[in-house]
Amino acid sequence: MGPIKIILSPVAGRGYGARVEPELRRLLKAEGLAFDLVRTARPWHAAELAEQAANDGFEIIVAVGGDGTTHEVVNGLMAASKDGVTGILGVIPVGSGSDFAHNIGIPPDLKGACRRLAHGQTRIVDVCQVTIPGHPPRYFDNTVNVGFGGIVTLEARKVKWLRGMALYLPVVVKTVFLSQAPRVTIETDDQELALPATMICIANGPREGGGFFCTPDALPDDGLLDVCIVREIGRLAMLGLIPHFMDGTHVDREPVTMTRTRHVTISSPDDLIAHMDGEMLCTDAHRIECEIIPGQLRVRC
């Protein structure tokens, strides 16, 4: 195995990232791995460190954090790729959600993730590009969620100590009473829909939000985006849908529509609130465009 760069977010998982560093170092050494570990110091620092690591010739660049840390490292790798495939992404999940790690089969525990890094295989998966007019394109590895999911992310940022489902489930229930249904036009490869929508989840993997299977049949290597559209719905009905999103049984229920596409555009005269891989994407956009880039990312898993 070639040289490994470890990029650790000390603030991931409400500070859990900083607390596990000594044990992480011990486990990596126990696996016989030679590595260089650096801590992030500010937002988007992980992207800068990942791009530099790829340019410096590190074969494997490991995101130690949550979905936000992985998201930044993916963007750094894409910046270094110059339209090719560069570096191998490793993930050690210590964040609040860590949905991408789950979706590609990385164990959730520190010891299991380190062992997988040392003894796993390299898998080729898709990456997705998102564009908002007036902003440079960015990349996501898992989901963009417009509407309900965006508001959940805004509310989750107010909670300082909880992680995982203990964080997201109460926030989801709270968001039921906060969310609205903006008027949107959704354009995919083969159709155009105009409707009020409570939520639009555009996904490369099945799970988001620490345990909600919004797109349960999504595969990160099939060259397609899975899209879950929830049309305008009353609050009590939305509460009733939440358990179904937790096990992926909502797909055949009203008012849910599922589709697959390579490209999707969402436009609205209303403000669009959205997250991307668990981090805020926008709060006042009026057009969001997403496109799949097949086979662009190598992952150690």
C-alpha atoms as a PDB file:
ATOM      1  CA  MET A   1       0.000   0.000   0.000  1.00  0.00           C
ATOM      2  CA  GLY A   2       1.257   3.456  -0.918  1.00  0.00           C
ATOM      3  CA  PRO A   3       1.491   6.504   1.364  1.00  0.00           C
ATOM      4  CA  ILE A   4      -1.628   7.450   3.306  1.00  0.00           C
ATOM      5  CA  LYS A   5      -2.797  10.933   4.273  1.00  0.00           C
ATOM      6  CA  ILE A   6      -5.230  11.045   7.196  1.00  0.00           C
ATOM      7  CA  ILE A   7      -7.399  14.181   7.330  1.00  0.00           C
ATOM      8  CA  LEU A   8      -9.145  14.389  10.694  1.00  0.00           C
ATOM      9  CA  SER A   9     -11.882  16.858  11.586  1.00  0.00           C
ATOM     10  CA  PRO A  10     -11.652  17.509  15.349  1.00  0.00           C
ATOM     11  CA  VAL A  11     -15.147  19.028  15.382  1.00  0.00           C
ATOM     12  CA  ALA A  12     -16.836  16.070  13.659  1.00  0.00           C
ATOM     13  CA  GLY A  13     -19.510  14.329  15.695  1.00  0.00           C
ATOM     14  CA  ARG A  14     -19.826  17.312  18.037  1.00  0.00           C
ATOM     15  CA  GLY A  15     -16.149  17.011  19.017  1.00  0.00           C
ATOM     16  CA  TYR A  16     -15.929  13.225  18.890  1.00  0.00           C
ATOM     17  CA  GLY A  17     -13.281  13.490  16.175  1.00  0.00           C
ATOM     18  CA  ALA A  18     -10.819  15.162  18.546  1.00  0.00           C
ATOM     19  CA  ARG A  19     -11.486  12.662  21.322  1.00  0.00           C
ATOM     20  CA  VAL A  20     -10.763   9.583  19.217  1.00  0.00           C
ATOM     21  CA  GLU A  21      -7.454  10.756  17.754  1.00  0.00           C
ATOM     22  CA  PRO A  22      -5.189   8.874  20.215  1.00  0.00           C
ATOM     23  CA  GLU A  23      -7.117   5.622  19.722  1.00  0.00           C
ATOM     24  CA  LEU A  24      -7.174   6.164  15.959  1.00  0.00           C
ATOM     25  CA  ARG A  25      -3.390   6.525  15.856  1.00  0.00           C
ATOM     26  CA  ARG A  26      -2.989   3.360  17.935  1.00  0.00           C
ATOM     27  CA  LEU A  27      -5.311   1.318  15.710  1.00  0.00           C
ATOM     28  CA  LEU A  28      -3.698   2.503  12.474  1.00  0.00           C
ATOM     29  CA  LYS A  29      -0.245   1.590  13.809  1.00  0.00           C
ATOM     30  CA  ALA A  30      -1.572  -1.788  14.967  1.00  0.00           C
ATOM     31  CA  GLU A  31      -2.660  -2.453  11.374  1.00  0.00           C
ATOM     32  CA  GLY A  32       0.872  -1.714  10.206  1.00  0.00           C
ATOM     33  CA  LEU A  33      -0.119   1.426   8.290  1.00  0.00           C
ATOM     34  CA  ALA A  34       2.348   4.239   7.645  1.00  0.00           C
ATOM     35  CA  PHE A  35       0.448   7.514   7.613  1.00  0.00           C
ATOM     36  CA  ASP A  36       0.646  11.269   7.927  1.00  0.00           C
ATOM     37  CA  LEU A  37      -2.203  12.714  10.029  1.00  0.00           C
ATOM     38  CA  VAL A  38      -3.324  16.328   9.860  1.00  0.00           C
ATOM     39  CA  ARG A  39      -6.195  18.099  11.586  1.00  0.00           C
ATOM     40  CA  THR A  40      -8.560  20.502   9.858  1.00  0.00           C
ATOM     41  CA  ALA A  41      -8.657  24.020  11.260  1.00  0.00           C
ATOM     42  CA  ARG A  42     -11.555  25.689   9.430  1.00  0.00           C
ATOM     43  CA  PRO A  43     -14.389  25.049   6.979  1.00  0.00           C
ATOM     44  CA  TRP A  44     -13.160  23.721   3.602  1.00  0.00           C
ATOM     45  CA  HIS A  45      -9.699  23.045   5.026  1.00  0.00           C
ATOM     46  CA  ALA A  46     -10.234  19.316   4.376  1.00  0.00           C
ATOM     47  CA  ALA A  47     -10.773  20.060   0.678  1.00  0.00           C
ATOM     48  CA  GLU A  48      -7.518  22.048   0.522  1.00  0.00           C
ATOM     49  CA  LEU A  49      -5.608  19.316   2.360  1.00  0.00           C
ATOM     50  CA  ALA A  50      -7.035  16.583   0.129  1.00  0.00           C
ATOM     51  CA  GLU A  51      -6.152  18.428  -3.072  1.00  0.00           C
ATOM     52  CA  GLN A  52      -2.625  19.036  -1.822  1.00  0.00           C
ATOM     53  CA  ALA A  53      -2.249  15.404  -0.709  1.00  0.00           C
ATOM     54  CA  ALA A  54      -3.316  14.138  -4.130  1.00  0.00           C
ATOM     55  CA  ASN A  55      -0.904  16.523  -5.850  1.00  0.00           C
ATOM     56  CA  ASP A  56       1.864  15.406  -3.478  1.00  0.00           C
ATOM     57  CA  GLY A  57       1.400  11.798  -4.545  1.00  0.00           C
ATOM     58  CA  PHE A  58      -0.445  10.274  -1.598  1.00  0.00           C
ATOM     59  CA  GLU A  59      -2.166   7.166  -2.896  1.00  0.00           C
ATOM     60  CA  ILE A  60      -4.937   7.044  -0.269  1.00  0.00           C
ATOM     61  CA  ILE A  61      -6.522  10.149   1.282  1.00  0.00           C
ATOM     62  CA  VAL A  62      -8.675   9.329   4.305  1.00  0.00           C
ATOM     63  CA  ALA A  63     -11.534  11.458   5.646  1.00  0.00           C
ATOM     64  CA  VAL A  64     -11.908  11.006   9.410  1.00  0.00           C
ATOM     65  CA  GLY A  65     -15.141  12.736  10.336  1.00  0.00           C
ATOM     66  CA  GLY A  66     -18.729  12.767   9.201  1.00  0.00           C
ATOM     67  CA  ASP A  67     -20.399  13.276   5.856  1.00  0.00           C
ATOM     68  CA  GLY A  68     -19.259  16.893   5.761  1.00  0.00           C
ATOM     69  CA  THR A  69     -15.595  15.912   6.072  1.00  0.00           C
ATOM     70  CA  THR A  70     -15.968  13.252   3.383  1.00  0.00           C
ATOM     71  CA  HIS A  71     -17.764  15.779   1.191  1.00  0.00           C
ATOM     72  CA  GLU A  72     -14.851  18.215   1.467  1.00  0.00           C
ATOM     73  CA  VAL A  73     -12.250  15.535   0.763  1.00  0.00           C
ATOM     74  CA  VAL A  74     -14.200  14.416  -2.321  1.00  0.00           C
ATOM     75  CA  ASN A  75     -14.231  18.016  -3.568  1.00  0.00           C
ATOM     76  CA  GLY A  76     -10.489  18.245  -2.971  1.00  0.00           C
ATOM     77  CA  LEU A  77      -9.890  15.045  -4.927  1.00  0.00           C
ATOM     78  CA  MET A  78     -12.063  16.303  -7.768  1.00  0.00           C
ATOM     79  CA  ALA A  79     -10.130  19.587  -7.846  1.00  0.00           C
ATOM     80  CA  ALA A  80      -6.886  17.615  -8.153  1.00  0.00           C
ATOM     81  CA  SER A  81      -8.243  15.223 -10.770  1.00  0.00           C
ATOM     82  CA  LYS A  82      -8.383  17.673 -13.689  1.00  0.00           C
ATOM     83  CA  ASP A  83     -11.145  15.591 -15.297  1.00  0.00           C
ATOM     84  CA  GLY A  84      -9.368  12.297 -14.582  1.00  0.00           C
ATOM     85  CA  VAL A  85      -9.473   9.902 -11.633  1.00  0.00           C
ATOM     86  CA  THR A  86      -6.959  10.662  -8.904  1.00  0.00           C
ATOM     87  CA  GLY A  87      -6.269   9.310  -5.437  1.00  0.00           C
ATOM     88  CA  ILE A  88      -8.246   6.750  -3.472  1.00  0.00           C
ATOM     89  CA  LEU A  89     -10.746   7.937  -0.868  1.00  0.00           C
ATOM     90  CA  GLY A  90     -10.721   6.262   2.519  1.00  0.00           C
ATOM     91  CA  VAL A  91     -13.362   6.948   5.165  1.00  0.00           C
ATOM     92  CA  ILE A  92     -13.270   6.447   8.925  1.00  0.00           C
ATOM     93  CA  PRO A  93     -16.717   7.533  10.185  1.00  0.00           C
ATOM     94  CA  VAL A  94     -16.794   9.492  13.430  1.00  0.00           C
ATOM     95  CA  GLY A  95     -19.477  12.049  12.512  1.00  0.00           C
ATOM     96  CA  SER A  96     -23.102  12.701  13.352  1.00  0.00           C
ATOM     97  CA  GLY A  97     -24.531  10.842  10.358  1.00  0.00           C
ATOM     98  CA  SER A  98     -21.776   9.135   8.329  1.00  0.00           C
ATOM     99  CA  ASP A  99     -24.280   7.990   5.719  1.00  0.00           C
ATOM    100  CA  PHE A 100     -21.777   7.727   2.861  1.00  0.00           C
ATOM    101  CA  ALA A 101     -19.640   5.322   4.891  1.00  0.00           C
ATOM    102  CA  HIS A 102     -22.724   3.204   5.571  1.00  0.00           C
ATOM    103  CA  ASN A 103     -23.742   3.246   1.914  1.00  0.00           C
ATOM    104  CA  ILE A 104     -20.420   1.823   0.743  1.00  0.00           C
ATOM    105  CA  GLY A 105     -20.192  -0.758   3.521  1.00  0.00           C
ATOM    106  CA  ILE A 106     -17.565   0.705   5.847  1.00  0.00           C
ATOM    107  CA  PRO A 107     -17.989  -0.538   9.453  1.00  0.00           C
ATOM    108  CA  PRO A 108     -19.292   2.153  11.831  1.00  0.00           C
ATOM    109  CA  ASP A 109     -16.817   1.344  14.622  1.00  0.00           C
ATOM    110  CA  LEU A 110     -13.307   2.760  14.734  1.00  0.00           C
ATOM    111  CA  LYS A 111     -11.528  -0.598  14.871  1.00  0.00           C
ATOM    112  CA  GLY A 112     -13.568  -2.065  12.017  1.00  0.00           C
ATOM    113  CA  ALA A 113     -13.059   0.996   9.822  1.00  0.00           C
ATOM    114  CA  CYS A 114      -9.281   0.949  10.380  1.00  0.00           C
ATOM    115  CA  ARG A 115      -9.148  -2.753   9.550  1.00  0.00           C
ATOM    116  CA  ARG A 116     -11.139  -2.146   6.371  1.00  0.00           C
ATOM    117  CA  LEU A 117      -8.737   0.637   5.414  1.00  0.00           C
ATOM    118  CA  ALA A 118      -5.813  -1.765   5.811  1.00  0.00           C
ATOM    119  CA  HIS A 119      -7.369  -4.864   4.232  1.00  0.00           C
ATOM    120  CA  GLY A 120     -10.257  -3.666   2.068  1.00  0.00           C
ATOM    121  CA  GLN A 121     -10.657  -3.457  -1.695  1.00  0.00           C
ATOM    122  CA  THR A 122     -10.882  -0.474  -4.030  1.00  0.00           C
ATOM    123  CA  ARG A 123     -14.340   0.206  -5.450  1.00  0.00           C
ATOM    124  CA  ILE A 124     -15.188   2.645  -8.226  1.00  0.00           C
ATOM    125  CA  VAL A 125     -18.287   4.772  -7.561  1.00  0.00           C
ATOM    126  CA  ASP A 126     -20.071   7.753  -9.081  1.00  0.00           C
ATOM    127  CA  VAL A 127     -19.788  11.407  -8.101  1.00  0.00           C
ATOM    128  CA  CYS A 128     -22.449  14.064  -8.623  1.00  0.00           C
ATOM    129  CA  GLN A 129     -22.070  17.704  -9.605  1.00  0.00           C
ATOM    130  CA  VAL A 130     -24.396  20.416  -8.335  1.00  0.00           C
ATOM    131  CA  THR A 131     -24.626  23.882  -9.855  1.00  0.00           C
ATOM    132  CA  ILE A 132     -26.427  27.009  -8.651  1.00  0.00           C
ATOM    133  CA  PRO A 133     -26.331  30.064 -10.949  1.00  0.00           C
ATOM    134  CA  GLY A 134     -23.730  32.543  -9.809  1.00  0.00           C
ATOM    135  CA  HIS A 135     -21.728  29.953  -7.848  1.00  0.00           C
ATOM    136  CA  PRO A 136     -18.946  27.584  -8.916  1.00  0.00           C
ATOM    137  CA  PRO A 137     -19.972  23.916  -9.342  1.00  0.00           C
ATOM    138  CA  ARG A 138     -19.479  21.614  -6.371  1.00  0.00           C
ATOM    139  CA  TYR A 139     -19.545  17.862  -6.006  1.00  0.00           C
ATOM    140  CA  PHE A 140     -21.506  15.578  -3.726  1.00  0.00           C
ATOM    141  CA  ASP A 141     -21.099  11.876  -3.038  1.00  0.00           C
ATOM    142  CA  ASN A 142     -24.464  11.081  -1.450  1.00  0.00           C
ATOM    143  CA  THR A 143     -27.455  13.449  -1.497  1.00  0.00           C
ATOM    144  CA  VAL A 144     -28.853  16.869  -2.167  1.00  0.00           C
ATOM    145  CA  ASN A 145     -32.150  17.353  -0.336  1.00  0.00           C
ATOM    146  CA  VAL A 146     -34.326  20.334  -1.235  1.00  0.00           C
ATOM    147  CA  GLY A 147     -37.089  21.511   1.082  1.00  0.00           C
ATOM    148  CA  PHE A 148     -37.720  19.309   4.091  1.00  0.00           C
ATOM    149  CA  GLY A 149     -34.189  17.905   4.283  1.00  0.00           C
ATOM    150  CA  GLY A 150     -32.647  21.353   3.965  1.00  0.00           C
ATOM    151  CA  ILE A 151     -34.695  22.635   6.892  1.00  0.00           C
ATOM    152  CA  VAL A 152     -33.739  19.557   8.944  1.00  0.00           C
ATOM    153  CA  THR A 153     -30.075  20.420   8.406  1.00  0.00           C
ATOM    154  CA  LEU A 154     -30.644  24.031   9.446  1.00  0.00           C
ATOM    155  CA  GLU A 155     -32.352  22.899  12.651  1.00  0.00           C
ATOM    156  CA  ALA A 156     -29.774  20.175  13.381  1.00  0.00           C
ATOM    157  CA  ARG A 157     -27.019  22.798  13.432  1.00  0.00           C
ATOM    158  CA  LYS A 158     -28.661  24.300  16.518  1.00  0.00           C
ATOM    159  CA  VAL A 159     -28.175  21.055  18.493  1.00  0.00           C
ATOM    160  CA  LYS A 160     -24.668  20.961  19.939  1.00  0.00           C
ATOM    161  CA  TRP A 161     -24.187  17.600  21.652  1.00  0.00           C
ATOM    162  CA  LEU A 162     -26.248  14.791  20.116  1.00  0.00           C
ATOM    163  CA  ARG A 163     -25.158  12.519  17.246  1.00  0.00           C
ATOM    164  CA  GLY A 164     -26.778  10.011  14.892  1.00  0.00           C
ATOM    165  CA  MET A 165     -30.466   9.148  15.181  1.00  0.00           C
ATOM    166  CA  ALA A 166     -30.649  10.773  18.626  1.00  0.00           C
ATOM    167  CA  LEU A 167     -29.932  14.046  16.838  1.00  0.00           C
ATOM    168  CA  TYR A 168     -31.844  13.669  13.592  1.00  0.00           C
ATOM    169  CA  LEU A 169     -35.115  12.008  14.607  1.00  0.00           C
ATOM    170  CA  PRO A 170     -36.291  14.769  17.026  1.00  0.00           C
ATOM    171  CA  VAL A 171     -35.211  17.407  14.490  1.00  0.00           C
ATOM    172  CA  VAL A 172     -37.155  15.648  11.726  1.00  0.00           C
ATOM    173  CA  VAL A 173     -40.295  15.640  13.869  1.00  0.00           C
ATOM    174  CA  LYS A 174     -39.797  19.326  14.669  1.00  0.00           C
ATOM    175  CA  THR A 175     -39.330  20.140  10.981  1.00  0.00           C
ATOM    176  CA  VAL A 176     -42.744  18.655  10.166  1.00  0.00           C
ATOM    177  CA  PHE A 177     -44.219  21.730  11.842  1.00  0.00           C
ATOM    178  CA  LEU A 178     -41.828  24.169  10.163  1.00  0.00           C
ATOM    179  CA  SER A 179     -41.653  23.011   6.554  1.00  0.00           C
ATOM    180  CA  GLN A 180     -43.564  24.413   3.617  1.00  0.00           C
ATOM    181  CA  ALA A 181     -44.054  23.258   0.031  1.00  0.00           C
ATOM    182  CA  PRO A 182     -42.455  25.636  -2.474  1.00  0.00           C
ATOM    183  CA  ARG A 183     -43.773  25.694  -6.029  1.00  0.00           C
ATOM    184  CA  VAL A 184     -41.196  23.897  -8.141  1.00  0.00           C
ATOM    185  CA  THR A 185     -40.567  22.750 -11.679  1.00  0.00           C
ATOM    186  CA  ILE A 186     -38.587  19.496 -11.780  1.00  0.00           C
ATOM    187  CA  GLU A 187     -36.923  18.547 -15.067  1.00  0.00           C
ATOM    188  CA  THR A 188     -35.352  15.101 -15.493  1.00  0.00           C
ATOM    189  CA  ASP A 189     -34.085  13.207 -18.543  1.00  0.00           C
ATOM    190  CA  ASP A 190     -37.556  12.247 -19.696  1.00  0.00           C
ATOM    191  CA  GLN A 191     -40.170  14.328 -17.887  1.00  0.00           C
ATOM    192  CA  GLU A 192     -41.091  17.718 -16.449  1.00  0.00           C
ATOM    193  CA  LEU A 193     -43.243  18.166 -13.350  1.00  0.00           C
ATOM    194  CA  ALA A 194     -44.682  21.402 -11.959  1.00  0.00           C
ATOM    195  CA  LEU A 195     -46.100  21.107  -8.438  1.00  0.00           C
ATOM    196  CA  PRO A 196     -45.781  22.176  -4.806  1.00  0.00           C
ATOM    197  CA  ALA A 197     -43.209  19.824  -3.214  1.00  0.00           C
ATOM    198  CA  THR A 198     -42.505  19.257   0.459  1.00  0.00           C
ATOM    199  CA  MET A 199     -39.230  17.465  -0.298  1.00  0.00           C
ATOM    200  CA  ILE A 200     -37.031  16.503  -3.246  1.00  0.00           C
ATOM    201  CA  CYS A 201     -34.146  14.162  -2.449  1.00  0.00           C
ATOM    202  CA  ILE A 202     -31.571  13.655  -5.203  1.00  0.00           C
ATOM    203  CA  ALA A 203     -29.391  10.732  -4.275  1.00  0.00           C
ATOM    204  CA  ASN A 204     -26.391   8.629  -5.192  1.00  0.00           C
ATOM    205  CA  GLY A 205     -26.906   6.318  -2.208  1.00  0.00           C
ATOM    206  CA  PRO A 206     -29.828   4.910  -0.215  1.00  0.00           C
ATOM    207  CA  ARG A 207     -29.433   6.515   3.228  1.00  0.00           C
ATOM    208  CA  GLU A 208     -29.152  10.040   4.563  1.00  0.00           C
ATOM    209  CA  GLY A 209     -29.813  11.881   7.825  1.00  0.00           C
ATOM    210  CA  GLY A 210     -28.201   9.221   9.993  1.00  0.00           C
ATOM    211  CA  GLY A 211     -30.772   6.528   9.186  1.00  0.00           C
ATOM    212  CA  PHE A 212     -33.464   7.648   6.732  1.00  0.00           C
ATOM    213  CA  PHE A 213     -33.679   5.565   3.546  1.00  0.00           C
ATOM    214  CA  CYS A 214     -35.154   8.215   1.279  1.00  0.00           C
ATOM    215  CA  THR A 215     -33.957   6.388  -1.862  1.00  0.00           C
ATOM    216  CA  PRO A 216     -33.662   2.767  -0.691  1.00  0.00           C
ATOM    217  CA  ASP A 217     -32.807   1.333  -4.115  1.00  0.00           C
ATOM    218  CA  ALA A 218     -30.084   3.847  -5.001  1.00  0.00           C
ATOM    219  CA  LEU A 219     -26.678   2.422  -5.930  1.00  0.00           C
ATOM    220  CA  PRO A 220     -23.522   4.557  -5.835  1.00  0.00           C
ATOM    221  CA  ASP A 221     -22.101   2.916  -8.955  1.00  0.00           C
ATOM    222  CA  ASP A 222     -25.010   2.580 -11.417  1.00  0.00           C
ATOM    223  CA  GLY A 223     -24.507   5.872 -13.273  1.00  0.00           C
ATOM    224  CA  LEU A 224     -27.902   7.199 -12.192  1.00  0.00           C
ATOM    225  CA  LEU A 225     -29.398   9.599  -9.658  1.00  0.00           C
ATOM    226  CA  ASP A 226     -32.365   8.323  -7.676  1.00  0.00           C
ATOM    227  CA  VAL A 227     -34.926  11.058  -7.003  1.00  0.00           C
ATOM    228  CA  CYS A 228     -37.591  10.975  -4.284  1.00  0.00           C
ATOM    229  CA  ILE A 229     -40.325  13.614  -4.660  1.00  0.00           C
ATOM    230  CA  VAL A 230     -42.818  14.194  -1.848  1.00  0.00           C
ATOM    231  CA  ARG A 231     -45.663  16.342  -3.091  1.00  0.00           C
ATOM    232  CA  GLU A 232     -47.402  18.811  -0.759  1.00  0.00           C
ATOM    233  CA  ILE A 233     -48.714  16.954   2.274  1.00  0.00           C
ATOM    234  CA  GLY A 234     -50.403  17.781   5.565  1.00  0.00           C
ATOM    235  CA  ARG A 235     -48.461  17.691   8.814  1.00  0.00           C
ATOM    236  CA  LEU A 236     -50.222  14.675  10.309  1.00  0.00           C
ATOM    237  CA  ALA A 237     -49.745  12.732   7.092  1.00  0.00           C
ATOM    238  CA  MET A 238     -46.064  13.668   7.070  1.00  0.00           C
ATOM    239  CA  LEU A 239     -45.680  12.444  10.638  1.00  0.00           C
ATOM    240  CA  GLY A 240     -47.220   9.168   9.533  1.00  0.00           C
ATOM    241  CA  LEU A 241     -44.689   8.860   6.702  1.00  0.00           C
ATOM    242  CA  ILE A 242     -41.598   9.272   8.890  1.00  0.00           C
ATOM    243  CA  PRO A 243     -41.420   5.609  10.045  1.00  0.00           C
ATOM    244  CA  HIS A 244     -41.665   4.500   6.416  1.00  0.00           C
ATOM    245  CA  PHE A 245     -38.695   6.673   5.476  1.00  0.00           C
ATOM    246  CA  MET A 246     -36.731   4.960   8.234  1.00  0.00           C
ATOM    247  CA  ASP A 247     -37.098   1.558   6.588  1.00  0.00           C
ATOM    248  CA  GLY A 248     -37.586   2.582   2.958  1.00  0.00           C
ATOM    249  CA  THR A 249     -41.225   1.454   2.672  1.00  0.00           C
ATOM    250  CA  HIS A 250     -42.508   4.873   1.558  1.00  0.00           C
ATOM    251  CA  VAL A 251     -41.727   4.394  -2.137  1.00  0.00           C
ATOM    252  CA  ASP A 252     -45.197   3.126  -3.133  1.00  0.00           C
ATOM    253  CA  ARG A 253     -47.159   5.451  -0.851  1.00  0.00           C
ATOM    254  CA  GLU A 254     -48.933   8.686  -1.633  1.00  0.00           C
ATOM    255  CA  PRO A 255     -47.791  11.397  -2.146  1.00  0.00           C
ATOM    256  CA  VAL A 256     -44.347   9.977  -3.028  1.00  0.00           C
ATOM    257  CA  THR A 257     -42.936   9.708  -6.559  1.00  0.00           C
ATOM    258  CA  MET A 258     -39.658   7.901  -7.282  1.00  0.00           C
ATOM    259  CA  THR A 259     -37.654   8.243 -10.490  1.00  0.00           C
ATOM    260  CA  ARG A 260     -34.148   7.746 -11.885  1.00  0.00           C
ATOM    261  CA  THR A 261     -32.249  10.128 -14.114  1.00  0.00           C
ATOM    262  CA  ARG A 262     -28.763  11.266 -15.098  1.00  0.00           C
ATOM    263  CA  HIS A 263     -29.633  14.930 -14.791  1.00  0.00           C
ATOM    264  CA  VAL A 264     -32.200  16.891 -12.788  1.00  0.00           C
ATOM    265  CA  THR A 265     -32.990  20.591 -12.490  1.00  0.00           C
ATOM    266  CA  ILE A 266     -35.206  22.130  -9.810  1.00  0.00           C
ATOM    267  CA  SER A 267     -36.386  25.712 -10.299  1.00  0.00           C
ATOM    268  CA  SER A 268     -38.800  27.816  -8.296  1.00  0.00           C
ATOM    269  CA  PRO A 269     -39.942  31.422  -7.801  1.00  0.00           C
ATOM    270  CA  ASP A 270     -39.786  30.650  -4.077  1.00  0.00           C
ATOM    271  CA  ASP A 271     -36.612  30.369  -2.008  1.00  0.00           C
ATOM    272  CA  LEU A 272     -35.153  26.861  -2.133  1.00  0.00           C
ATOM    273  CA  ILE A 273     -33.515  25.565   1.055  1.00  0.00           C
ATOM    274  CA  ALA A 274     -31.212  22.603   0.506  1.00  0.00           C
ATOM    275  CA  HIS A 275     -28.432  20.588   2.059  1.00  0.00           C
ATOM    276  CA  MET A 276     -25.673  18.697   0.286  1.00  0.00           C
ATOM    277  CA  ASP A 277     -24.138  15.663   2.049  1.00  0.00           C
ATOM    278  CA  GLY A 278     -25.491  16.972   5.350  1.00  0.00           C
ATOM    279  CA  GLU A 279     -24.037  20.472   4.962  1.00  0.00           C
ATOM    280  CA  MET A 280     -26.005  23.559   3.957  1.00  0.00           C
ATOM    281  CA  LEU A 281     -26.028  24.162   0.211  1.00  0.00           C
ATOM    282  CA  CYS A 282     -28.368  27.168   0.019  1.00  0.00           C
ATOM    283  CA  THR A 283     -31.267  28.954   1.682  1.00  0.00           C
ATOM    284  CA  ASP A 284     -32.446  31.249  -1.109  1.00  0.00           C
ATOM    285  CA  ALA A 285     -31.590  29.625  -4.447  1.00  0.00           C
ATOM    286  CA  HIS A 286     -34.111  29.570  -7.289  1.00  0.00           C
ATOM    287  CA  ARG A 287     -32.445  26.988  -9.523  1.00  0.00           C
ATOM    288  CA  ILE A 288     -30.468  23.863  -8.545  1.00  0.00           C
ATOM    289  CA  GLU A 289     -29.002  21.565 -11.187  1.00  0.00           C
ATOM    290  CA  CYS A 290     -27.546  18.113 -10.440  1.00  0.00           C
ATOM    291  CA  GLU A 291     -25.764  15.706 -12.766  1.00  0.00           C
ATOM    292  CA  ILE A 292     -24.180  12.286 -12.276  1.00  0.00           C
ATOM    293  CA  ILE A 293     -20.529  11.725 -13.231  1.00  0.00           C
ATOM    294  CA  PRO A 294     -20.173   7.945 -13.540  1.00  0.00           C
ATOM    295  CA  GLY A 295     -17.126   6.061 -12.249  1.00  0.00           C
ATOM    296  CA  GLN A 296     -15.213   9.128 -11.120  1.00  0.00           C
ATOM    297  CA  LEU A 297     -14.211   8.148  -7.576  1.00  0.00           C
ATOM    298  CA  ARG A 298     -12.120   5.292  -6.192  1.00  0.00           C
ATOM    299  CA  VAL A 299     -13.006   4.292  -2.629  1.00  0.00           C
ATOM    300  CA  ARG A 300     -11.258   1.982  -0.166  1.00  0.00           C
ATOM    301  CA  CYS A 301     -14.015  -0.109   1.389  1.00  0.00           C
END
